[in-house]
Amino acid sequence: MAITASQVKELREMTGAGMMDCKKALTNTDGDMDAAVEWLRENGLAKAAKKSGRIAAEGMVAVDVSEDGKSASIVEVNSETDFVAKNEVFQQYVKEVAAQAKVTSAANVEAFLAGQTVEEKLKAMIAKIGENMNIRRFEKVTTDGLVVSYIHAGGKIGVLVVADTDSDSDAVKECLKNVAMQIAALNPKYVSSDDVDADYKEHEKQVLLAQAKNDPKNAGKPDEIIEKMIIGRLNKELKEVCLLEQPYVKAENKENVKQYVEAVATAEGCKLNVTKFVRFETGEGLEKKEEDFAAEVAAQLG
């Protein structure tokens, strides 16, 4: 099948691979975008698919944490423009949505929006601001331990960290805040490698195996040597996506996040284990509308 320039452009934006490599990948996979991404990865031409992480839509993430730190919510509300996202009225509205989400019994956004006051308030805000808005997602957490939140860049990224702990000391809260900042910065996918799905591990192993076999430097190497290489690379990859195995960014030594948390627990004489986190980044996975102002002006001029 014929491969179009727009397909090549889209794949290049998703993977960061070169134009010719993208065209070759699409040709080899009959234009299947997902298969082309995997082809590029297997041939060492793309680190990972970036499609799901593209940041595009405007808006804001907000959190609401109870006074006792036992429950919290996090929400993302989108707007059409960054101008509105920076508006104090909009920002206050998003914080109110977070407060509503913390006490709702709704299990999803559709049920949440079905609440009369939520829907009416959203419509009223759209009418007041004059721009379409969307409550995109929310999540609630409750615990017998402690929830700590962190907001980065005025709402571009929001994080909730849940810990199994018997202490709410300032030192413990500071520790969890530091962990939340780590999550905001490095975007882990799992708490620990124990949480990683076996299918994910096997899939990544097969990708790494294909990369190794396609690398001329590995020509002639025994299968058992390549197998050891793959296990080493997989473990390194898991350290990048698993929070507790990540090097702690504020550490002066080489301790990882798990060791940092354990050190605080020892110093405070308490139980302290990170059990869950939620990270929302404004607009992740959404496409921003591309404005062609030159074309718009030309159209207006007739």
C-alpha atoms as a PDB file:
ATOM      1  CA  MET A   1       0.000   0.000   0.000  1.00  0.00           C
ATOM      2  CA  ALA A   2       1.072   3.598  -0.554  1.00  0.00           C
ATOM      3  CA  ILE A   3       2.514   5.300   2.520  1.00  0.00           C
ATOM      4  CA  THR A   4       1.508   8.943   2.887  1.00  0.00           C
ATOM      5  CA  ALA A   5       3.637  11.811   4.153  1.00  0.00           C
ATOM      6  CA  SER A   6       1.179  12.410   7.000  1.00  0.00           C
ATOM      7  CA  GLN A   7       1.626   8.812   8.189  1.00  0.00           C
ATOM      8  CA  VAL A   8       5.395   9.221   8.189  1.00  0.00           C
ATOM      9  CA  LYS A   9       5.086  12.520  10.055  1.00  0.00           C
ATOM     10  CA  GLU A  10       2.795  10.993  12.690  1.00  0.00           C
ATOM     11  CA  LEU A  11       5.108   8.034  13.285  1.00  0.00           C
ATOM     12  CA  ARG A  12       8.123  10.335  13.530  1.00  0.00           C
ATOM     13  CA  GLU A  13       6.352  12.459  16.163  1.00  0.00           C
ATOM     14  CA  MET A  14       5.440   9.327  18.103  1.00  0.00           C
ATOM     15  CA  THR A  15       8.885   7.750  18.129  1.00  0.00           C
ATOM     16  CA  GLY A  16      11.516  10.374  17.341  1.00  0.00           C
ATOM     17  CA  ALA A  17      12.898   8.119  14.598  1.00  0.00           C
ATOM     18  CA  GLY A  18      14.200   9.474  11.262  1.00  0.00           C
ATOM     19  CA  MET A  19      11.915  10.111   8.300  1.00  0.00           C
ATOM     20  CA  MET A  20      13.372   7.330   6.142  1.00  0.00           C
ATOM     21  CA  ASP A  21      13.289   4.855   9.033  1.00  0.00           C
ATOM     22  CA  CYS A  22       9.637   5.713   9.658  1.00  0.00           C
ATOM     23  CA  LYS A  23       8.784   5.226   5.998  1.00  0.00           C
ATOM     24  CA  LYS A  24      10.602   1.888   5.983  1.00  0.00           C
ATOM     25  CA  ALA A  25       8.779   0.785   9.144  1.00  0.00           C
ATOM     26  CA  LEU A  26       5.382   1.666   7.677  1.00  0.00           C
ATOM     27  CA  THR A  27       6.238  -0.081   4.402  1.00  0.00           C
ATOM     28  CA  ASN A  28       7.272  -3.232   6.262  1.00  0.00           C
ATOM     29  CA  THR A  29       4.064  -3.257   8.312  1.00  0.00           C
ATOM     30  CA  ASP A  30       1.588  -2.319   5.564  1.00  0.00           C
ATOM     31  CA  GLY A  31       0.874   1.034   7.169  1.00  0.00           C
ATOM     32  CA  ASP A  32      -0.087  -0.405  10.588  1.00  0.00           C
ATOM     33  CA  MET A  33       0.968   2.398  12.979  1.00  0.00           C
ATOM     34  CA  ASP A  34       1.254   0.275  16.137  1.00  0.00           C
ATOM     35  CA  ALA A  35       3.146  -2.469  14.309  1.00  0.00           C
ATOM     36  CA  ALA A  36       5.453   0.179  12.808  1.00  0.00           C
ATOM     37  CA  VAL A  37       6.274   1.477  16.296  1.00  0.00           C
ATOM     38  CA  GLU A  38       7.179  -2.050  17.400  1.00  0.00           C
ATOM     39  CA  TRP A  39       9.272  -2.543  14.231  1.00  0.00           C
ATOM     40  CA  LEU A  40      11.262   0.604  15.018  1.00  0.00           C
ATOM     41  CA  ARG A  41      11.777  -0.486  18.618  1.00  0.00           C
ATOM     42  CA  GLU A  42      12.875  -3.982  17.621  1.00  0.00           C
ATOM     43  CA  ASN A  43      15.404  -2.502  15.212  1.00  0.00           C
ATOM     44  CA  GLY A  44      16.751  -0.110  17.813  1.00  0.00           C
ATOM     45  CA  LEU A  45      15.440   2.968  16.014  1.00  0.00           C
ATOM     46  CA  ALA A  46      13.003   4.168  18.679  1.00  0.00           C
ATOM     47  CA  LYS A  47      13.270   3.990  22.449  1.00  0.00           C
ATOM     48  CA  ALA A  48       9.540   3.680  23.070  1.00  0.00           C
ATOM     49  CA  ALA A  49       6.159   4.661  21.758  1.00  0.00           C
ATOM     50  CA  LYS A  50       5.448   8.241  22.739  1.00  0.00           C
ATOM     51  CA  LYS A  51       1.926   8.448  21.439  1.00  0.00           C
ATOM     52  CA  SER A  52       0.250   8.007  24.813  1.00  0.00           C
ATOM     53  CA  GLY A  53       2.419  10.647  26.465  1.00  0.00           C
ATOM     54  CA  ARG A  54       2.083  13.523  24.045  1.00  0.00           C
ATOM     55  CA  ILE A  55       1.097  16.644  25.947  1.00  0.00           C
ATOM     56  CA  ALA A  56      -1.365  18.750  24.022  1.00  0.00           C
ATOM     57  CA  ALA A  57      -4.560  19.978  25.705  1.00  0.00           C
ATOM     58  CA  GLU A  58      -4.621  22.931  28.061  1.00  0.00           C
ATOM     59  CA  GLY A  59      -6.135  22.969  31.513  1.00  0.00           C
ATOM     60  CA  MET A  60      -5.195  22.157  35.072  1.00  0.00           C
ATOM     61  CA  VAL A  61      -4.785  19.354  37.593  1.00  0.00           C
ATOM     62  CA  ALA A  62      -5.948  19.935  41.176  1.00  0.00           C
ATOM     63  CA  VAL A  63      -5.990  17.856  44.366  1.00  0.00           C
ATOM     64  CA  ASP A  64      -7.998  17.910  47.558  1.00  0.00           C
ATOM     65  CA  VAL A  65      -6.723  16.159  50.695  1.00  0.00           C
ATOM     66  CA  SER A  66      -8.674  15.732  53.915  1.00  0.00           C
ATOM     67  CA  GLU A  67      -7.322  17.344  57.086  1.00  0.00           C
ATOM     68  CA  ASP A  68      -6.460  13.955  58.612  1.00  0.00           C
ATOM     69  CA  GLY A  69      -4.656  12.843  55.437  1.00  0.00           C
ATOM     70  CA  LYS A  70      -6.806   9.722  55.124  1.00  0.00           C
ATOM     71  CA  SER A  71      -8.594  10.556  51.873  1.00  0.00           C
ATOM     72  CA  ALA A  72      -7.918  12.613  48.780  1.00  0.00           C
ATOM     73  CA  SER A  73      -8.923  13.243  45.200  1.00  0.00           C
ATOM     74  CA  ILE A  74      -7.169  14.368  42.046  1.00  0.00           C
ATOM     75  CA  VAL A  75      -8.877  15.791  38.949  1.00  0.00           C
ATOM     76  CA  GLU A  76      -7.996  17.087  35.497  1.00  0.00           C
ATOM     77  CA  VAL A  77     -10.153  19.730  33.870  1.00  0.00           C
ATOM     78  CA  ASN A  78      -9.334  20.778  30.315  1.00  0.00           C
ATOM     79  CA  SER A  79      -9.817  24.126  28.622  1.00  0.00           C
ATOM     80  CA  GLU A  80      -9.316  25.177  25.029  1.00  0.00           C
ATOM     81  CA  THR A  81      -6.552  27.702  25.675  1.00  0.00           C
ATOM     82  CA  ASP A  82      -3.684  28.263  28.063  1.00  0.00           C
ATOM     83  CA  PHE A  83      -5.046  31.772  28.625  1.00  0.00           C
ATOM     84  CA  VAL A  84      -8.138  30.351  30.321  1.00  0.00           C
ATOM     85  CA  ALA A  85      -6.063  27.766  32.213  1.00  0.00           C
ATOM     86  CA  LYS A  86      -4.236  30.658  33.894  1.00  0.00           C
ATOM     87  CA  ASN A  87      -7.464  32.442  34.774  1.00  0.00           C
ATOM     88  CA  GLU A  88      -8.096  32.614  38.547  1.00  0.00           C
ATOM     89  CA  VAL A  89     -11.812  31.903  38.083  1.00  0.00           C
ATOM     90  CA  PHE A  90     -11.017  28.716  36.162  1.00  0.00           C
ATOM     91  CA  GLN A  91      -8.382  27.642  38.693  1.00  0.00           C
ATOM     92  CA  GLN A  92     -10.789  28.105  41.594  1.00  0.00           C
ATOM     93  CA  TYR A  93     -13.423  26.112  39.717  1.00  0.00           C
ATOM     94  CA  VAL A  94     -11.020  23.179  39.222  1.00  0.00           C
ATOM     95  CA  LYS A  95     -10.245  23.177  42.953  1.00  0.00           C
ATOM     96  CA  GLU A  96     -13.990  23.033  43.653  1.00  0.00           C
ATOM     97  CA  VAL A  97     -14.306  20.068  41.283  1.00  0.00           C
ATOM     98  CA  ALA A  98     -11.548  18.296  43.224  1.00  0.00           C
ATOM     99  CA  ALA A  99     -13.425  18.899  46.472  1.00  0.00           C
ATOM    100  CA  GLN A 100     -16.606  17.471  44.919  1.00  0.00           C
ATOM    101  CA  ALA A 101     -14.721  14.452  43.588  1.00  0.00           C
ATOM    102  CA  LYS A 102     -13.368  13.641  47.050  1.00  0.00           C
ATOM    103  CA  VAL A 103     -16.874  13.093  48.445  1.00  0.00           C
ATOM    104  CA  THR A 104     -18.631  11.671  45.377  1.00  0.00           C
ATOM    105  CA  SER A 105     -19.845   8.079  45.232  1.00  0.00           C
ATOM    106  CA  ALA A 106     -19.494   8.083  41.435  1.00  0.00           C
ATOM    107  CA  ALA A 107     -17.125   5.470  40.061  1.00  0.00           C
ATOM    108  CA  ASN A 108     -16.327   7.251  36.786  1.00  0.00           C
ATOM    109  CA  VAL A 109     -16.518  10.625  35.049  1.00  0.00           C
ATOM    110  CA  GLU A 110     -19.819   9.832  33.337  1.00  0.00           C
ATOM    111  CA  ALA A 111     -21.513   9.101  36.665  1.00  0.00           C
ATOM    112  CA  PHE A 112     -19.815  12.108  38.251  1.00  0.00           C
ATOM    113  CA  LEU A 113     -21.120  14.420  35.527  1.00  0.00           C
ATOM    114  CA  ALA A 114     -24.585  12.921  35.904  1.00  0.00           C
ATOM    115  CA  GLY A 115     -24.782  14.649  39.268  1.00  0.00           C
ATOM    116  CA  GLN A 116     -27.036  17.642  38.774  1.00  0.00           C
ATOM    117  CA  THR A 117     -24.886  20.195  40.594  1.00  0.00           C
ATOM    118  CA  VAL A 118     -21.717  19.056  38.806  1.00  0.00           C
ATOM    119  CA  GLU A 119     -23.250  19.327  35.340  1.00  0.00           C
ATOM    120  CA  GLU A 120     -24.979  22.617  36.071  1.00  0.00           C
ATOM    121  CA  LYS A 121     -21.815  24.175  37.482  1.00  0.00           C
ATOM    122  CA  LEU A 122     -19.808  23.049  34.445  1.00  0.00           C
ATOM    123  CA  LYS A 123     -22.354  24.555  32.039  1.00  0.00           C
ATOM    124  CA  ALA A 124     -22.391  27.760  34.049  1.00  0.00           C
ATOM    125  CA  MET A 125     -18.605  28.021  33.914  1.00  0.00           C
ATOM    126  CA  ILE A 126     -18.578  27.411  30.153  1.00  0.00           C
ATOM    127  CA  ALA A 127     -21.120  30.204  29.718  1.00  0.00           C
ATOM    128  CA  LYS A 128     -19.208  32.541  32.045  1.00  0.00           C
ATOM    129  CA  ILE A 129     -15.756  32.002  30.529  1.00  0.00           C
ATOM    130  CA  GLY A 130     -16.958  31.617  26.956  1.00  0.00           C
ATOM    131  CA  GLU A 131     -14.811  28.611  26.209  1.00  0.00           C
ATOM    132  CA  ASN A 132     -15.526  24.903  26.120  1.00  0.00           C
ATOM    133  CA  MET A 133     -14.298  22.969  29.157  1.00  0.00           C
ATOM    134  CA  ASN A 134     -14.208  19.310  30.044  1.00  0.00           C
ATOM    135  CA  ILE A 135     -13.876  17.394  33.313  1.00  0.00           C
ATOM    136  CA  ARG A 136     -11.660  14.720  31.859  1.00  0.00           C
ATOM    137  CA  ARG A 137     -10.857  12.399  34.762  1.00  0.00           C
ATOM    138  CA  PHE A 138     -10.644  12.031  38.508  1.00  0.00           C
ATOM    139  CA  GLU A 139      -9.501   9.490  41.065  1.00  0.00           C
ATOM    140  CA  LYS A 140     -10.172   9.075  44.766  1.00  0.00           C
ATOM    141  CA  VAL A 141      -7.935   7.371  47.324  1.00  0.00           C
ATOM    142  CA  THR A 142      -8.570   6.399  50.936  1.00  0.00           C
ATOM    143  CA  THR A 143      -6.227   4.802  53.433  1.00  0.00           C
ATOM    144  CA  ASP A 144      -5.710   3.972  57.087  1.00  0.00           C
ATOM    145  CA  GLY A 145      -2.218   5.371  56.633  1.00  0.00           C
ATOM    146  CA  LEU A 146      -1.449   8.716  55.023  1.00  0.00           C
ATOM    147  CA  VAL A 147      -2.003  10.527  51.706  1.00  0.00           C
ATOM    148  CA  VAL A 148       0.298  13.359  50.634  1.00  0.00           C
ATOM    149  CA  SER A 149      -0.080  15.491  47.515  1.00  0.00           C
ATOM    150  CA  TYR A 150       2.145  17.584  45.276  1.00  0.00           C
ATOM    151  CA  ILE A 151       1.254  20.052  42.530  1.00  0.00           C
ATOM    152  CA  HIS A 152       3.893  21.073  40.004  1.00  0.00           C
ATOM    153  CA  ALA A 153       3.978  24.195  37.815  1.00  0.00           C
ATOM    154  CA  GLY A 154       0.638  25.560  38.936  1.00  0.00           C
ATOM    155  CA  GLY A 155      -1.305  22.457  37.995  1.00  0.00           C
ATOM    156  CA  LYS A 156       0.521  21.045  34.984  1.00  0.00           C
ATOM    157  CA  ILE A 157       1.255  17.900  37.020  1.00  0.00           C
ATOM    158  CA  GLY A 158      -0.488  16.592  40.130  1.00  0.00           C
ATOM    159  CA  VAL A 159       0.528  13.643  42.309  1.00  0.00           C
ATOM    160  CA  LEU A 160      -1.005  11.726  45.208  1.00  0.00           C
ATOM    161  CA  VAL A 161       1.168   9.343  47.232  1.00  0.00           C
ATOM    162  CA  VAL A 162      -0.444   6.780  49.525  1.00  0.00           C
ATOM    163  CA  ALA A 163       1.569   5.208  52.344  1.00  0.00           C
ATOM    164  CA  ASP A 164       0.936   2.452  54.851  1.00  0.00           C
ATOM    165  CA  THR A 165       2.226   4.133  57.999  1.00  0.00           C
ATOM    166  CA  ASP A 166       1.459   4.606  61.679  1.00  0.00           C
ATOM    167  CA  SER A 167       2.939   8.108  61.794  1.00  0.00           C
ATOM    168  CA  ASP A 168       1.933  11.514  60.488  1.00  0.00           C
ATOM    169  CA  SER A 169       5.044  13.324  61.706  1.00  0.00           C
ATOM    170  CA  ASP A 170       6.479  16.239  59.772  1.00  0.00           C
ATOM    171  CA  ALA A 171       9.433  14.069  58.764  1.00  0.00           C
ATOM    172  CA  VAL A 172       7.152  11.396  57.310  1.00  0.00           C
ATOM    173  CA  LYS A 173       5.090  13.996  55.447  1.00  0.00           C
ATOM    174  CA  GLU A 174       8.271  15.583  54.087  1.00  0.00           C
ATOM    175  CA  CYS A 175       9.502  12.165  52.935  1.00  0.00           C
ATOM    176  CA  LEU A 176       6.271  11.446  51.072  1.00  0.00           C
ATOM    177  CA  LYS A 177       6.290  14.943  49.568  1.00  0.00           C
ATOM    178  CA  ASN A 178       9.809  14.266  48.263  1.00  0.00           C
ATOM    179  CA  VAL A 179       8.622  10.963  46.805  1.00  0.00           C
ATOM    180  CA  ALA A 180       5.720  12.791  45.139  1.00  0.00           C
ATOM    181  CA  MET A 181       8.169  15.257  43.589  1.00  0.00           C
ATOM    182  CA  GLN A 182      10.202  12.293  42.288  1.00  0.00           C
ATOM    183  CA  ILE A 183       7.045  10.870  40.687  1.00  0.00           C
ATOM    184  CA  ALA A 184       6.230  14.223  39.092  1.00  0.00           C
ATOM    185  CA  ALA A 185       9.743  14.508  37.648  1.00  0.00           C
ATOM    186  CA  LEU A 186      10.477  10.943  36.497  1.00  0.00           C
ATOM    187  CA  ASN A 187       6.969   9.601  35.782  1.00  0.00           C
ATOM    188  CA  PRO A 188       7.290   5.989  36.986  1.00  0.00           C
ATOM    189  CA  LYS A 189       4.601   3.542  35.911  1.00  0.00           C
ATOM    190  CA  TYR A 190       4.626   1.166  38.888  1.00  0.00           C
ATOM    191  CA  VAL A 191       5.377   1.269  42.617  1.00  0.00           C
ATOM    192  CA  SER A 192       7.796  -1.661  42.392  1.00  0.00           C
ATOM    193  CA  SER A 193       8.814  -4.398  39.977  1.00  0.00           C
ATOM    194  CA  ASP A 194       6.486  -6.766  41.866  1.00  0.00           C
ATOM    195  CA  ASP A 195       3.577  -4.786  40.425  1.00  0.00           C
ATOM    196  CA  VAL A 196       4.690  -5.158  36.808  1.00  0.00           C
ATOM    197  CA  ASP A 197       2.428  -7.414  34.790  1.00  0.00           C
ATOM    198  CA  ALA A 198       4.085 -10.631  33.584  1.00  0.00           C
ATOM    199  CA  ASP A 199       2.777 -10.029  30.048  1.00  0.00           C
ATOM    200  CA  TYR A 200       4.462  -6.601  30.015  1.00  0.00           C
ATOM    201  CA  LYS A 201       7.766  -8.123  31.110  1.00  0.00           C
ATOM    202  CA  GLU A 202       7.555 -10.823  28.447  1.00  0.00           C
ATOM    203  CA  HIS A 203       6.653  -8.301  25.746  1.00  0.00           C
ATOM    204  CA  GLU A 204       9.581  -6.055  26.649  1.00  0.00           C
ATOM    205  CA  LYS A 205      11.873  -9.079  26.767  1.00  0.00           C
ATOM    206  CA  GLN A 206      10.883 -10.020  23.214  1.00  0.00           C
ATOM    207  CA  VAL A 207      11.482  -6.450  22.007  1.00  0.00           C
ATOM    208  CA  LEU A 208      14.930  -6.401  23.633  1.00  0.00           C
ATOM    209  CA  LEU A 209      15.697  -9.831  22.185  1.00  0.00           C
ATOM    210  CA  ALA A 210      14.837  -8.630  18.683  1.00  0.00           C
ATOM    211  CA  GLN A 211      17.027  -5.540  19.212  1.00  0.00           C
ATOM    212  CA  ALA A 212      19.952  -7.684  20.319  1.00  0.00           C
ATOM    213  CA  LYS A 213      19.657 -10.089  17.402  1.00  0.00           C
ATOM    214  CA  ASN A 214      19.418  -7.205  14.920  1.00  0.00           C
ATOM    215  CA  ASP A 215      22.569  -5.598  16.322  1.00  0.00           C
ATOM    216  CA  PRO A 216      25.615  -6.581  14.173  1.00  0.00           C
ATOM    217  CA  LYS A 217      27.825  -6.369  17.282  1.00  0.00           C
ATOM    218  CA  ASN A 218      26.067  -9.447  18.663  1.00  0.00           C
ATOM    219  CA  ALA A 219      26.560 -11.595  15.562  1.00  0.00           C
ATOM    220  CA  GLY A 220      27.857 -15.017  16.499  1.00  0.00           C
ATOM    221  CA  LYS A 221      27.265 -14.632  20.232  1.00  0.00           C
ATOM    222  CA  PRO A 222      25.793 -17.735  21.930  1.00  0.00           C
ATOM    223  CA  ASP A 223      22.098 -17.620  22.867  1.00  0.00           C
ATOM    224  CA  GLU A 224      22.889 -17.918  26.576  1.00  0.00           C
ATOM    225  CA  ILE A 225      25.072 -14.791  26.424  1.00  0.00           C
ATOM    226  CA  ILE A 226      22.358 -12.849  24.616  1.00  0.00           C
ATOM    227  CA  GLU A 227      19.850 -14.114  27.187  1.00  0.00           C
ATOM    228  CA  LYS A 228      21.968 -12.690  30.035  1.00  0.00           C
ATOM    229  CA  MET A 229      22.259  -9.394  28.183  1.00  0.00           C
ATOM    230  CA  ILE A 230      18.499  -9.239  27.786  1.00  0.00           C
ATOM    231  CA  ILE A 231      17.851  -9.904  31.477  1.00  0.00           C
ATOM    232  CA  GLY A 232      20.306  -7.139  32.386  1.00  0.00           C
ATOM    233  CA  ARG A 233      18.663  -4.666  30.020  1.00  0.00           C
ATOM    234  CA  LEU A 234      15.181  -5.602  31.230  1.00  0.00           C
ATOM    235  CA  ASN A 235      16.174  -5.078  34.859  1.00  0.00           C
ATOM    236  CA  LYS A 236      17.637  -1.686  33.934  1.00  0.00           C
ATOM    237  CA  GLU A 237      14.434  -0.744  32.130  1.00  0.00           C
ATOM    238  CA  LEU A 238      12.323  -1.797  35.116  1.00  0.00           C
ATOM    239  CA  LYS A 239      14.413   0.426  37.388  1.00  0.00           C
ATOM    240  CA  GLU A 240      13.422   3.350  35.193  1.00  0.00           C
ATOM    241  CA  VAL A 241       9.667   2.666  35.395  1.00  0.00           C
ATOM    242  CA  CYS A 242       9.376   1.344  38.973  1.00  0.00           C
ATOM    243  CA  LEU A 243       9.330   4.042  41.653  1.00  0.00           C
ATOM    244  CA  LEU A 244      11.007   2.221  44.532  1.00  0.00           C
ATOM    245  CA  GLU A 245      13.854   0.979  42.343  1.00  0.00           C
ATOM    246  CA  GLN A 246      14.586   4.401  40.862  1.00  0.00           C
ATOM    247  CA  PRO A 247      17.672   6.245  42.158  1.00  0.00           C
ATOM    248  CA  TYR A 248      16.414   8.861  44.604  1.00  0.00           C
ATOM    249  CA  VAL A 249      17.049  12.154  42.811  1.00  0.00           C
ATOM    250  CA  LYS A 250      17.796  14.178  45.944  1.00  0.00           C
ATOM    251  CA  ALA A 251      20.185  11.609  47.421  1.00  0.00           C
ATOM    252  CA  GLU A 252      23.798  12.562  47.995  1.00  0.00           C
ATOM    253  CA  ASN A 253      24.754   8.880  47.851  1.00  0.00           C
ATOM    254  CA  LYS A 254      23.461   6.190  45.478  1.00  0.00           C
ATOM    255  CA  GLU A 255      20.410   5.111  47.469  1.00  0.00           C
ATOM    256  CA  ASN A 256      17.167   4.364  45.663  1.00  0.00           C
ATOM    257  CA  VAL A 257      13.699   5.537  46.672  1.00  0.00           C
ATOM    258  CA  LYS A 258      12.994   2.400  48.705  1.00  0.00           C
ATOM    259  CA  GLN A 259      16.187   2.850  50.716  1.00  0.00           C
ATOM    260  CA  TYR A 260      15.388   6.525  51.283  1.00  0.00           C
ATOM    261  CA  VAL A 261      11.901   5.700  52.624  1.00  0.00           C
ATOM    262  CA  GLU A 262      13.333   2.935  54.833  1.00  0.00           C
ATOM    263  CA  ALA A 263      15.919   5.331  56.257  1.00  0.00           C
ATOM    264  CA  VAL A 264      13.196   7.816  57.228  1.00  0.00           C
ATOM    265  CA  ALA A 265      11.134   5.021  58.798  1.00  0.00           C
ATOM    266  CA  THR A 266      14.139   3.932  60.875  1.00  0.00           C
ATOM    267  CA  ALA A 267      14.917   7.490  61.965  1.00  0.00           C
ATOM    268  CA  GLU A 268      11.277   8.078  62.981  1.00  0.00           C
ATOM    269  CA  GLY A 269      10.834   4.648  64.525  1.00  0.00           C
ATOM    270  CA  CYS A 270       7.690   3.991  62.513  1.00  0.00           C
ATOM    271  CA  LYS A 271       6.198   1.842  59.787  1.00  0.00           C
ATOM    272  CA  LEU A 272       6.389   3.510  56.375  1.00  0.00           C
ATOM    273  CA  ASN A 273       5.705   1.864  53.023  1.00  0.00           C
ATOM    274  CA  VAL A 274       4.597   3.517  49.781  1.00  0.00           C
ATOM    275  CA  THR A 275       1.679   1.445  48.491  1.00  0.00           C
ATOM    276  CA  LYS A 276       0.203   3.519  45.666  1.00  0.00           C
ATOM    277  CA  PHE A 277       0.535   6.719  43.684  1.00  0.00           C
ATOM    278  CA  VAL A 278      -1.573   8.616  41.167  1.00  0.00           C
ATOM    279  CA  ARG A 279       0.014  11.005  38.682  1.00  0.00           C
ATOM    280  CA  PHE A 280      -1.994  13.225  36.319  1.00  0.00           C
ATOM    281  CA  GLU A 281      -0.281  15.409  33.732  1.00  0.00           C
ATOM    282  CA  THR A 282      -2.436  17.985  31.990  1.00  0.00           C
ATOM    283  CA  GLY A 283      -3.298  16.946  28.459  1.00  0.00           C
ATOM    284  CA  GLU A 284      -1.347  13.678  28.346  1.00  0.00           C
ATOM    285  CA  GLY A 285      -2.653  11.537  25.509  1.00  0.00           C
ATOM    286  CA  LEU A 286      -4.654  14.386  23.973  1.00  0.00           C
ATOM    287  CA  GLU A 287      -3.984  16.246  20.768  1.00  0.00           C
ATOM    288  CA  LYS A 288      -3.785  20.029  20.731  1.00  0.00           C
ATOM    289  CA  LYS A 289      -5.598  21.757  17.911  1.00  0.00           C
ATOM    290  CA  GLU A 290      -2.975  23.180  15.559  1.00  0.00           C
ATOM    291  CA  GLU A 291      -3.767  26.753  14.656  1.00  0.00           C
ATOM    292  CA  ASP A 292      -2.727  28.028  11.232  1.00  0.00           C
ATOM    293  CA  PHE A 293      -3.037  31.760  11.880  1.00  0.00           C
ATOM    294  CA  ALA A 294      -1.774  32.722   8.420  1.00  0.00           C
ATOM    295  CA  ALA A 295      -4.496  30.645   6.777  1.00  0.00           C
ATOM    296  CA  GLU A 296      -7.082  32.018   9.217  1.00  0.00           C
ATOM    297  CA  VAL A 297      -6.197  35.620   8.389  1.00  0.00           C
ATOM    298  CA  ALA A 298      -6.173  34.884   4.666  1.00  0.00           C
ATOM    299  CA  ALA A 299      -9.621  33.330   4.939  1.00  0.00           C
ATOM    300  CA  GLN A 300     -10.955  36.354   6.820  1.00  0.00           C
ATOM    301  CA  LEU A 301      -9.570  38.676   4.153  1.00  0.00           C
ATOM    302  CA  GLY A 302     -11.434  36.659   1.552  1.00  0.00           C
END
